[in-house]
Amino acid sequence: MTTAAHDLGDTLKRLGVSPAWQDGGMATRSPVDGTSAGRLAGAAAGEVEAAVGRACAAFDAWRRVPAPRRGELVRLLGEELRVAKDDLARLVTLEAGKITSEGLGEVQEMIDVCDFAVGLSRQLYGLTLPSERPGHHMRETWQPLGPVAVITAFNFPVAVWAWNAALALVCGDPVIWKPSDKTSLVALAVQAVFERAVARFGADAPEGLNQVLVGGAEVGQALARDPRIPLVSATGSTRMGKAVAVDVAGRLGRSLLELGGNNAMIVAPGADLDLAVRAIAFSAVGTCGQRCTSLRRLLVHEDLADGLIARLKVAYETLPVGDPRDDGTLIGPLIDEASAEAMAAALTQAVAEGGEVVTGGQRLDRDGAYVRPAIVRMPEQSAIVRHETFAPILYVMTWRELDQAIAMQNAVPQGLSSCIFTDSVRQAETFLSAWGSDCGIANVNIGPSGAEIGGAFGGEKDTGGGRESGSDAWKAYMRRQTQTVNFSTALPLAQGVRFDV
């Protein structure tokens, strides 16, 4: 098989990305085999300034285009993504290390959210309100907000941009995209696809409607601090999100943050264990444990624990780990060496805190950061369990009463996704109640990873609370305006009517 670097070059060429990207100072490296495809040019401070200026000019023009017409551009983008799907998915595999089916699934999410946004472009509904004043009419209208900065992480290098961009574009907002410095090439490829959609759309699309700024944390910081950007949507680590939140709040801007997961599954007596084992394996080891929705904590009723752990151990030891381009591979590499070191350190700490490694955790002898997924039985929810390690480590703990399990589920600061496996309606409804799971996503007999485009995606606790993609997430990209019209010929001072001077 060709090196990942050679494969990257061929794929970028097919997608229409100019070779000029190789003339910079940022090294690119594929997690598939560690090979480098070239060096990217990062955006300098002046380029960030210029990009924001172009976005502001684009906003002045784009907000004047009717929303259904804006939806037409997103429809064309969805068509271009369909044409480029296989190559974009290949690029996700090469640059992020995802297996082929996961790369294809991520691009399909881009297509799906485009479809959602096209319909949304005719449904940006406001309200009509009864006025207390005679001869007056009140209504609430949603208006375009302004340029939106989108900062994305390596683990979903294209789908998260699409969740934000498709909605922002139909809402009337230009987008400035700062991708992860670990997955910038696929962002350049998406920009090439976007430009093909713009060429088909015509002159209504202004220059600078979507821009990509490659670089490190300094580029994201410059965007977060720029007062001309009313909304910064950032997905990634809690550490990064806190920095963005401080910078945006310092200028009274808006931030939309989707950060930590550390997701748990509760397995109750009577649960379908065949279904649970499949869900555990898929959600705990998929993308090598590098999803924000990965399963990291397994909370099992004490009567089931020994048998379930034994079944999981057998399943884990047969999971194929290897080159994500190969047919049959289910687990690709960690993104880089630092991630492998973090996994090793977490396992060491887990043992020091009383844990027992049931299986996995070893490095594979090959180029790239390939590891065996690990299962660790823990006596309690210790410090390392409450800390989210972005690697395929599954911590298993037991419980006796459901209230105890729900309390354990909620006893971490991260609040993205959660689930319970049970055949009891009472247990399921308790888990979904106001005193049940405190996460933004709560599932019954479904694992925590994976989400449909129609539902808003994100957490609801102190790690961001951002909501992207479906439902009413579009409101984050707009400003609400209460409008009052006096259609009377006089302004009578009726009893109970305020007269403000």
Protein backbone atom coordinates (compact mmCIF):
# COMPACT_ATOMS: atom_id res chain seq x y z
CA MET A 1 0.00 0.00 0.00
CA THR A 2 1.24 3.52 -0.78
CA THR A 3 2.41 5.80 2.01
CA ALA A 4 -0.23 8.05 3.52
CA ALA A 5 1.72 11.10 2.29
CA HIS A 6 1.52 9.93 -1.33
CA ASP A 7 -2.15 9.06 -0.92
CA LEU A 8 -2.81 12.51 0.58
CA GLY A 9 -1.23 14.25 -2.39
CA ASP A 10 -3.25 12.29 -4.92
CA THR A 11 -6.51 12.84 -3.05
CA LEU A 12 -5.95 16.58 -2.66
CA LYS A 13 -5.23 16.85 -6.38
CA ARG A 14 -8.50 15.10 -7.25
CA LEU A 15 -10.37 17.48 -4.94
CA GLY A 16 -8.88 20.51 -6.68
CA VAL A 17 -6.57 21.78 -3.93
CA SER A 18 -3.64 23.76 -5.34
CA PRO A 19 -0.11 22.43 -4.63
CA ALA A 20 0.73 25.93 -3.35
CA TRP A 21 -0.35 24.83 0.13
CA GLN A 22 3.00 23.03 0.49
CA ASP A 23 5.00 26.25 0.68
CA GLY A 24 4.62 26.98 4.41
CA GLY A 25 6.19 26.25 7.74
CA MET A 26 3.62 23.99 9.48
CA ALA A 27 4.47 20.33 9.02
CA THR A 28 1.64 17.94 8.13
CA ARG A 29 1.77 14.38 9.39
CA SER A 30 -0.64 11.50 8.83
CA PRO A 31 -1.47 9.37 11.87
CA VAL A 32 -1.80 6.39 9.54
CA ASP A 33 1.98 5.90 9.23
CA GLY A 34 3.58 9.12 10.47
CA THR A 35 4.64 10.30 7.03
CA SER A 36 4.61 14.00 6.14
CA ALA A 37 2.90 15.31 3.03
CA GLY A 38 4.46 18.77 3.11
CA ARG A 39 4.31 22.02 5.04
CA LEU A 40 1.34 24.35 5.37
CA ALA A 41 1.45 28.12 5.45
CA GLY A 42 -0.16 29.42 8.63
CA ALA A 43 -2.12 32.66 8.66
CA ALA A 44 -0.22 35.69 9.91
CA ALA A 45 -1.83 38.36 12.08
CA GLY A 46 -2.40 40.59 9.04
CA GLU A 47 -4.17 37.77 7.21
CA VAL A 48 -6.56 37.25 10.11
CA GLU A 49 -7.33 40.96 10.11
CA ALA A 50 -7.93 40.94 6.35
CA ALA A 51 -10.14 37.84 6.54
CA VAL A 52 -12.39 39.44 9.16
CA GLY A 53 -12.62 42.56 6.99
CA ARG A 54 -13.72 40.46 3.99
CA ALA A 55 -16.27 38.65 6.15
CA CYS A 56 -17.75 41.97 7.33
CA ALA A 57 -18.07 43.16 3.74
CA ALA A 58 -19.63 39.83 2.76
CA PHE A 59 -22.14 40.13 5.61
CA ASP A 60 -23.38 43.47 4.34
CA ALA A 61 -24.22 41.85 1.00
CA TRP A 62 -25.29 38.37 2.12
CA ARG A 63 -27.88 39.56 4.68
CA ARG A 64 -29.71 41.34 1.84
CA VAL A 65 -30.15 38.05 -0.07
CA PRO A 66 -33.51 36.41 0.77
CA ALA A 67 -33.15 33.45 3.11
CA PRO A 68 -34.63 30.88 0.65
CA ARG A 69 -32.12 32.06 -1.93
CA ARG A 70 -29.35 31.61 0.64
CA GLY A 71 -30.68 28.10 1.10
CA GLU A 72 -30.10 27.47 -2.60
CA LEU A 73 -26.36 27.89 -2.09
CA VAL A 74 -26.43 25.32 0.69
CA ARG A 75 -28.40 22.98 -1.55
CA LEU A 76 -25.72 23.26 -4.21
CA LEU A 77 -23.06 22.68 -1.55
CA GLY A 78 -24.82 19.44 -0.62
CA GLU A 79 -24.74 18.37 -4.27
CA GLU A 80 -21.01 19.10 -4.55
CA LEU A 81 -20.36 17.19 -1.33
CA ARG A 82 -22.14 14.18 -2.79
CA VAL A 83 -19.83 14.26 -5.81
CA ALA A 84 -16.72 14.64 -3.62
CA LYS A 85 -17.86 12.26 -0.85
CA ASP A 86 -15.43 9.39 -1.48
CA ASP A 87 -12.39 11.63 -1.82
CA LEU A 88 -13.27 13.77 1.19
CA ALA A 89 -13.83 10.63 3.26
CA ARG A 90 -10.46 9.31 2.10
CA LEU A 91 -8.86 12.55 3.23
CA VAL A 92 -10.53 12.26 6.66
CA THR A 93 -9.07 8.75 6.96
CA LEU A 94 -5.60 9.88 5.94
CA GLU A 95 -5.46 13.00 8.09
CA ALA A 96 -7.52 12.01 11.16
CA GLY A 97 -6.93 8.25 11.15
CA LYS A 98 -10.60 7.24 10.95
CA ILE A 99 -11.51 3.96 9.33
CA THR A 100 -13.11 4.22 5.89
CA SER A 101 -16.71 3.74 7.04
CA GLU A 102 -16.32 6.48 9.68
CA GLY A 103 -14.85 8.89 7.13
CA LEU A 104 -17.79 8.23 4.81
CA GLY A 105 -20.20 8.67 7.70
CA GLU A 106 -18.73 12.03 8.60
CA VAL A 107 -19.10 13.39 5.07
CA GLN A 108 -22.65 12.04 4.99
CA GLU A 109 -23.35 14.17 8.07
CA MET A 110 -22.23 17.20 6.06
CA ILE A 111 -24.68 16.29 3.32
CA ASP A 112 -27.49 15.66 5.79
CA VAL A 113 -27.10 19.01 7.56
CA CYS A 114 -27.14 20.76 4.17
CA ASP A 115 -30.50 19.09 3.49
CA PHE A 116 -31.73 20.20 6.92
CA ALA A 117 -30.57 23.78 6.37
CA VAL A 118 -32.22 24.06 2.95
CA GLY A 119 -35.60 23.44 4.58
CA LEU A 120 -34.67 25.71 7.46
CA SER A 121 -34.10 28.61 5.06
CA ARG A 122 -37.91 28.84 4.70
CA GLN A 123 -38.62 28.32 8.41
CA LEU A 124 -36.78 31.07 10.29
CA TYR A 125 -39.98 31.77 12.16
CA GLY A 126 -40.69 34.60 14.57
CA LEU A 127 -43.76 35.33 16.72
CA THR A 128 -46.66 37.77 16.66
CA LEU A 129 -47.51 39.22 20.07
CA PRO A 130 -50.63 41.01 21.36
CA SER A 131 -49.89 44.62 22.29
CA GLU A 132 -51.37 46.31 25.36
CA ARG A 133 -51.58 49.55 23.39
CA PRO A 134 -54.57 50.26 21.10
CA GLY A 135 -53.75 50.33 17.40
CA HIS A 136 -50.36 48.70 17.82
CA HIS A 137 -48.89 45.50 16.45
CA MET A 138 -45.92 43.61 17.94
CA ARG A 139 -43.81 40.86 16.45
CA GLU A 140 -40.49 39.15 17.02
CA THR A 141 -38.24 38.75 14.00
CA TRP A 142 -34.93 36.94 13.67
CA GLN A 143 -32.21 38.90 11.86
CA PRO A 144 -28.77 37.82 10.58
CA LEU A 145 -26.12 38.15 13.27
CA GLY A 146 -22.82 38.79 11.47
CA PRO A 147 -19.56 36.96 10.72
CA VAL A 148 -19.24 33.67 12.62
CA ALA A 149 -15.87 32.16 13.57
CA VAL A 150 -15.92 28.34 13.62
CA ILE A 151 -13.06 26.56 15.41
CA THR A 152 -13.04 22.79 14.92
CA ALA A 153 -11.16 19.84 16.43
CA PHE A 154 -9.25 17.01 14.73
CA ASN A 155 -11.66 14.22 15.67
CA PHE A 156 -14.51 15.53 13.48
CA PRO A 157 -12.52 17.63 11.01
CA VAL A 158 -15.33 18.41 8.55
CA ALA A 159 -18.76 17.53 9.99
CA VAL A 160 -18.64 20.13 12.78
CA TRP A 161 -17.81 22.89 10.29
CA ALA A 162 -20.83 21.82 8.24
CA TRP A 163 -23.12 21.78 11.29
CA ASN A 164 -22.20 25.40 11.91
CA ALA A 165 -21.68 26.69 8.38
CA ALA A 166 -24.87 25.32 6.80
CA LEU A 167 -26.99 26.97 9.48
CA ALA A 168 -24.97 30.19 9.58
CA LEU A 169 -25.16 30.62 5.80
CA VAL A 170 -28.95 30.27 5.58
CA CYS A 171 -29.26 32.62 8.58
CA GLY A 172 -27.33 35.27 6.61
CA ASP A 173 -23.90 34.98 8.25
CA PRO A 174 -20.48 34.58 6.59
CA VAL A 175 -18.12 32.01 8.15
CA ILE A 176 -14.42 32.09 9.04
CA TRP A 177 -13.15 28.56 9.67
CA LYS A 178 -10.12 27.85 11.83
CA PRO A 179 -9.57 24.06 11.58
CA SER A 180 -7.38 22.03 13.91
CA ASP A 181 -3.72 22.35 13.00
CA LYS A 182 -3.71 18.52 12.90
CA THR A 183 -6.38 18.34 10.17
CA SER A 184 -6.03 21.46 8.04
CA LEU A 185 -5.66 19.78 4.64
CA VAL A 186 -9.19 18.44 4.62
CA ALA A 187 -10.42 21.98 5.43
CA LEU A 188 -8.67 23.26 2.30
CA ALA A 189 -10.38 20.50 0.33
CA VAL A 190 -13.81 21.44 1.72
CA GLN A 191 -13.14 25.06 0.77
CA ALA A 192 -12.44 23.94 -2.81
CA VAL A 193 -15.76 22.07 -2.83
CA PHE A 194 -17.54 25.12 -1.39
CA GLU A 195 -16.09 27.35 -4.11
CA ARG A 196 -17.47 25.03 -6.77
CA ALA A 197 -20.93 25.45 -5.23
CA VAL A 198 -20.47 29.24 -5.22
CA ALA A 199 -19.47 29.20 -8.90
CA ARG A 200 -22.74 27.45 -9.73
CA PHE A 201 -24.75 29.75 -7.44
CA GLY A 202 -23.74 32.99 -9.15
CA ALA A 203 -23.08 36.60 -8.27
CA ASP A 204 -25.39 36.74 -5.25
CA ALA A 205 -22.63 35.08 -3.23
CA PRO A 206 -20.10 37.75 -2.18
CA GLU A 207 -16.38 37.21 -1.84
CA GLY A 208 -15.33 35.99 1.59
CA LEU A 209 -18.53 34.11 2.38
CA ASN A 210 -16.52 31.18 3.74
CA GLN A 211 -12.83 31.47 4.50
CA VAL A 212 -10.28 29.04 5.95
CA LEU A 213 -7.54 30.31 8.25
CA VAL A 214 -4.85 27.71 8.93
CA GLY A 215 -2.76 28.05 12.06
CA GLY A 216 -2.32 27.32 15.72
CA ALA A 217 -3.91 28.66 18.87
CA GLU A 218 -2.88 32.22 18.07
CA VAL A 219 -5.25 32.31 15.08
CA GLY A 220 -8.17 31.10 17.18
CA GLN A 221 -7.31 33.62 19.87
CA ALA A 222 -7.24 36.49 17.36
CA LEU A 223 -10.70 35.52 16.12
CA ALA A 224 -12.06 35.14 19.65
CA ARG A 225 -10.86 38.61 20.57
CA ASP A 226 -12.08 40.43 17.45
CA PRO A 227 -15.14 42.56 18.29
CA ARG A 228 -16.35 42.38 14.68
CA ILE A 229 -17.20 38.69 15.14
CA PRO A 230 -20.41 38.45 17.19
CA LEU A 231 -20.34 34.64 17.54
CA VAL A 232 -17.44 32.21 18.04
CA SER A 233 -18.39 28.54 17.81
CA ALA A 234 -15.62 26.32 19.18
CA THR A 235 -15.44 22.55 19.52
CA GLY A 236 -12.57 20.83 21.29
CA SER A 237 -10.96 20.39 24.67
CA THR A 238 -12.25 21.98 27.86
CA ARG A 239 -8.93 23.79 28.22
CA MET A 240 -9.35 25.40 24.80
CA GLY A 241 -12.99 26.23 25.47
CA LYS A 242 -12.20 28.06 28.69
CA ALA A 243 -9.66 30.23 26.88
CA VAL A 244 -12.12 31.03 24.10
CA ALA A 245 -14.90 31.80 26.58
CA VAL A 246 -12.74 34.29 28.47
CA ASP A 247 -11.63 36.08 25.30
CA VAL A 248 -15.15 36.30 23.84
CA ALA A 249 -16.76 37.30 27.14
CA GLY A 250 -14.14 40.01 27.59
CA ARG A 251 -15.69 41.87 24.66
CA LEU A 252 -19.29 40.81 25.48
CA GLY A 253 -19.55 38.57 22.45
CA ARG A 254 -21.37 35.25 22.13
CA SER A 255 -19.68 31.86 22.31
CA LEU A 256 -21.12 28.48 21.35
CA LEU A 257 -18.95 25.82 23.00
CA GLU A 258 -19.19 22.05 22.58
CA LEU A 259 -16.46 20.58 24.78
CA GLY A 260 -15.98 17.60 27.10
CA GLY A 261 -17.88 14.32 27.05
CA ASN A 262 -16.68 11.63 29.52
CA ASN A 263 -19.89 9.81 28.74
CA ALA A 264 -21.38 6.97 30.80
CA MET A 265 -23.62 3.96 30.19
CA ILE A 266 -25.75 2.44 32.94
CA VAL A 267 -26.48 -1.30 32.53
CA ALA A 268 -29.43 -2.40 34.66
CA PRO A 269 -30.77 -5.86 35.55
CA GLY A 270 -32.92 -7.26 32.79
CA ALA A 271 -31.05 -5.33 30.04
CA ASP A 272 -30.49 -7.03 26.69
CA LEU A 273 -26.80 -7.84 27.20
CA ASP A 274 -26.23 -8.86 23.58
CA LEU A 275 -27.41 -5.42 22.53
CA ALA A 276 -25.38 -3.78 25.31
CA VAL A 277 -22.12 -5.53 24.39
CA ARG A 278 -22.39 -4.39 20.78
CA ALA A 279 -23.19 -0.82 21.84
CA ILE A 280 -20.34 -0.75 24.37
CA ALA A 281 -17.76 -1.95 21.86
CA PHE A 282 -18.92 0.42 19.13
CA SER A 283 -19.08 3.50 21.33
CA ALA A 284 -15.97 2.85 23.43
CA VAL A 285 -13.47 1.93 20.71
CA GLY A 286 -14.82 3.67 17.59
CA THR A 287 -12.43 6.31 16.23
CA CYS A 288 -9.95 4.81 18.72
CA GLY A 289 -11.82 6.45 21.58
CA GLN A 290 -11.40 9.92 20.11
CA ARG A 291 -15.03 10.99 19.85
CA CYS A 292 -16.55 13.57 22.14
CA THR A 293 -19.37 11.01 22.46
CA SER A 294 -17.10 8.02 23.17
CA LEU A 295 -18.17 5.75 26.02
CA ARG A 296 -15.64 6.15 28.84
CA ARG A 297 -17.51 5.04 31.98
CA LEU A 298 -19.49 1.79 32.21
CA LEU A 299 -21.73 1.63 35.30
CA VAL A 300 -22.96 -1.96 35.71
CA HIS A 301 -25.28 -3.45 38.31
CA GLU A 302 -23.14 -5.53 40.65
CA ASP A 303 -25.00 -8.75 39.83
CA LEU A 304 -24.10 -8.38 36.14
CA ALA A 305 -20.56 -7.04 36.34
CA ASP A 306 -18.45 -10.22 36.28
CA GLY A 307 -20.30 -11.80 33.39
CA LEU A 308 -20.45 -8.61 31.30
CA ILE A 309 -16.75 -7.85 31.82
CA ALA A 310 -15.85 -11.40 30.76
CA ARG A 311 -17.84 -10.99 27.53
CA LEU A 312 -16.29 -7.60 26.83
CA LYS A 313 -12.80 -8.96 27.39
CA VAL A 314 -13.35 -11.63 24.72
CA ALA A 315 -14.79 -9.05 22.31
CA TYR A 316 -11.96 -6.55 22.89
CA GLU A 317 -9.23 -9.12 22.30
CA THR A 318 -10.61 -9.94 18.84
CA LEU A 319 -11.08 -6.37 17.60
CA PRO A 320 -8.90 -5.71 14.52
CA VAL A 321 -6.53 -2.74 15.00
CA GLY A 322 -4.54 -1.48 12.03
CA ASP A 323 -4.28 0.73 8.97
CA PRO A 324 -7.66 2.50 8.67
CA ARG A 325 -7.52 2.16 4.89
CA ASP A 326 -7.61 -1.65 5.09
CA ASP A 327 -10.87 -3.57 4.74
CA GLY A 328 -11.76 -5.22 8.02
CA THR A 329 -9.98 -2.71 10.25
CA LEU A 330 -12.27 -1.50 13.04
CA ILE A 331 -9.80 0.60 15.04
CA GLY A 332 -7.30 3.00 13.50
CA PRO A 333 -4.54 4.97 15.22
CA LEU A 334 -4.55 7.67 17.85
CA ILE A 335 -3.98 11.08 16.30
CA ASP A 336 -0.36 11.42 17.50
CA GLU A 337 2.32 10.32 19.93
CA ALA A 338 1.15 12.76 22.61
CA SER A 339 -2.22 10.99 22.70
CA ALA A 340 -0.52 7.62 23.15
CA GLU A 341 1.53 9.02 26.03
CA ALA A 342 -1.62 10.44 27.65
CA MET A 343 -3.28 7.02 27.43
CA ALA A 344 -0.30 5.30 29.04
CA ALA A 345 -0.20 7.89 31.82
CA ALA A 346 -3.93 7.49 32.47
CA LEU A 347 -3.61 3.71 32.77
CA THR A 348 -0.71 4.11 35.21
CA GLN A 349 -2.75 6.51 37.31
CA ALA A 350 -5.81 4.23 37.21
CA VAL A 351 -3.77 1.36 38.64
CA ALA A 352 -2.35 3.67 41.32
CA GLU A 353 -5.92 4.58 42.27
CA GLY A 354 -6.86 0.94 42.79
CA GLY A 355 -7.85 -0.06 39.27
CA GLU A 356 -7.20 -3.38 37.54
CA VAL A 357 -6.45 -3.49 33.81
CA VAL A 358 -8.66 -6.30 32.51
CA THR A 359 -7.32 -6.18 28.96
CA GLY A 360 -5.57 -3.90 26.47
CA GLY A 361 -3.49 -0.77 26.72
CA GLN A 362 -0.46 -2.06 24.80
CA ARG A 363 1.27 -0.26 21.93
CA LEU A 364 1.42 -2.07 18.61
CA ASP A 365 4.80 -2.40 16.90
CA ARG A 366 4.16 -0.35 13.76
CA ASP A 367 4.53 3.18 12.45
CA GLY A 368 1.92 5.45 14.02
CA ALA A 369 0.31 5.56 17.47
CA TYR A 370 -1.58 2.26 17.38
CA VAL A 371 -2.87 0.84 20.70
CA ARG A 372 -5.05 -1.96 21.99
CA PRO A 373 -8.27 -0.61 23.57
CA ALA A 374 -8.27 -1.04 27.34
CA ILE A 375 -10.85 -2.09 29.93
CA VAL A 376 -10.08 -1.07 33.52
CA ARG A 377 -12.15 -2.17 36.51
CA MET A 378 -12.23 0.59 39.12
CA PRO A 379 -13.30 0.42 42.78
CA GLU A 380 -14.77 3.92 42.62
CA GLN A 381 -15.08 6.97 40.43
CA SER A 382 -11.61 8.30 41.20
CA ALA A 383 -9.81 11.37 39.86
CA ILE A 384 -8.62 9.70 36.65
CA VAL A 385 -12.14 8.47 35.92
CA ARG A 386 -13.57 11.96 36.29
CA HIS A 387 -10.85 13.28 33.96
CA GLU A 388 -11.57 12.75 30.25
CA THR A 389 -8.68 11.02 28.47
CA PHE A 390 -9.10 11.13 24.69
CA ALA A 391 -8.16 7.48 24.13
CA PRO A 392 -9.88 4.04 24.11
CA ILE A 393 -10.02 3.43 27.87
CA LEU A 394 -13.24 2.07 29.37
CA TYR A 395 -13.56 2.35 33.16
CA VAL A 396 -16.01 -0.15 34.70
CA MET A 397 -17.70 0.40 38.08
CA THR A 398 -20.64 -1.22 39.87
CA TRP A 399 -23.79 -0.05 41.64
CA ARG A 400 -26.70 -1.51 43.66
CA GLU A 401 -29.52 1.08 43.44
CA LEU A 402 -30.51 3.07 40.35
CA ASP A 403 -30.34 6.39 42.19
CA GLN A 404 -26.71 5.57 43.00
CA ALA A 405 -25.96 4.85 39.32
CA ILE A 406 -27.55 8.11 38.15
CA ALA A 407 -25.59 10.04 40.78
CA MET A 408 -22.37 8.43 39.53
CA GLN A 409 -23.34 9.25 35.94
CA ASN A 410 -23.86 12.91 36.85
CA ALA A 411 -20.81 13.27 39.13
CA VAL A 412 -18.44 14.59 36.46
CA PRO A 413 -18.19 18.13 35.07
CA GLN A 414 -18.63 16.99 31.46
CA GLY A 415 -22.22 16.70 30.27
CA LEU A 416 -22.51 15.73 26.62
CA SER A 417 -24.07 12.27 26.23
CA SER A 418 -25.45 9.48 28.41
CA CYS A 419 -27.41 6.25 28.14
CA ILE A 420 -29.08 3.42 30.03
CA PHE A 421 -29.72 -0.18 28.99
CA THR A 422 -32.84 -1.55 30.64
CA ASP A 423 -36.11 -3.33 29.89
CA SER A 424 -37.89 -1.43 32.68
CA VAL A 425 -40.11 1.48 31.68
CA ARG A 426 -39.81 2.88 35.19
CA GLN A 427 -36.01 2.83 35.11
CA ALA A 428 -35.91 4.33 31.62
CA GLU A 429 -38.31 7.13 32.49
CA THR A 430 -36.48 7.86 35.74
CA PHE A 431 -33.24 8.17 33.77
CA LEU A 432 -34.95 10.62 31.37
CA SER A 433 -36.66 12.63 34.11
CA ALA A 434 -35.68 15.99 35.59
CA TRP A 435 -33.83 14.12 38.35
CA GLY A 436 -32.22 11.68 35.92
CA SER A 437 -29.37 12.26 33.46
CA ASP A 438 -28.10 15.85 33.44
CA CYS A 439 -26.53 15.55 29.98
CA GLY A 440 -27.52 17.23 26.73
CA ILE A 441 -28.15 13.80 25.15
CA ALA A 442 -29.87 10.95 26.99
CA ASN A 443 -30.51 7.59 25.27
CA VAL A 444 -32.30 4.38 26.21
CA ASN A 445 -30.95 1.10 24.80
CA ILE A 446 -28.67 3.06 22.46
CA GLY A 447 -25.03 3.90 23.09
CA PRO A 448 -23.87 7.48 23.70
CA SER A 449 -22.03 7.96 20.41
CA GLY A 450 -23.77 9.11 17.29
CA ALA A 451 -26.46 11.75 16.88
CA GLU A 452 -29.03 12.56 14.23
CA ILE A 453 -28.91 15.85 12.36
CA GLY A 454 -32.48 16.76 13.31
CA GLY A 455 -31.67 17.01 17.02
CA ALA A 456 -29.44 19.76 18.39
CA PHE A 457 -26.06 18.38 19.46
CA GLY A 458 -24.13 19.44 22.55
CA GLY A 459 -23.88 19.46 26.33
CA GLU A 460 -25.89 21.27 28.94
CA LYS A 461 -23.50 21.43 31.91
CA ASP A 462 -20.50 23.54 32.85
CA THR A 463 -18.38 22.41 29.91
CA GLY A 464 -19.84 24.72 27.32
CA GLY A 465 -23.54 24.11 26.95
CA GLY A 466 -23.30 24.69 23.20
CA ARG A 467 -26.00 23.35 20.87
CA GLU A 468 -25.19 22.83 17.20
CA SER A 469 -26.82 21.25 14.14
CA GLY A 470 -30.60 20.67 14.34
CA SER A 471 -33.68 21.59 16.38
CA ASP A 472 -33.67 25.34 17.15
CA ALA A 473 -29.87 25.63 17.13
CA TRP A 474 -30.23 28.14 14.28
CA LYS A 475 -31.23 30.81 16.81
CA ALA A 476 -27.61 31.01 18.00
CA TYR A 477 -26.65 32.39 14.58
CA MET A 478 -29.24 35.17 14.58
CA ARG A 479 -30.37 38.10 16.70
CA ARG A 480 -33.94 38.46 17.88
CA GLN A 481 -35.65 41.80 17.37
CA THR A 482 -38.97 42.87 18.89
CA GLN A 483 -40.75 45.15 16.43
CA THR A 484 -43.70 47.40 17.28
CA VAL A 485 -45.84 49.19 14.71
CA ASN A 486 -48.32 51.96 15.57
CA PHE A 487 -51.04 51.86 12.92
CA SER A 488 -53.49 54.14 14.79
CA THR A 489 -54.10 57.81 14.05
CA ALA A 490 -53.73 58.85 17.68
CA LEU A 491 -52.08 57.66 20.87
CA PRO A 492 -54.84 57.57 23.55
CA LEU A 493 -53.71 57.35 27.16
CA ALA A 494 -55.93 54.47 28.19
CA GLN A 495 -55.95 53.19 31.73
CA GLY A 496 -53.13 50.71 32.38
CA VAL A 497 -51.11 51.82 29.37
CA ARG A 498 -47.58 53.03 30.10
CA PHE A 499 -46.48 56.35 28.65
CA ASP A 500 -42.67 56.42 28.69
CA VAL A 501 -40.94 59.76 28.20
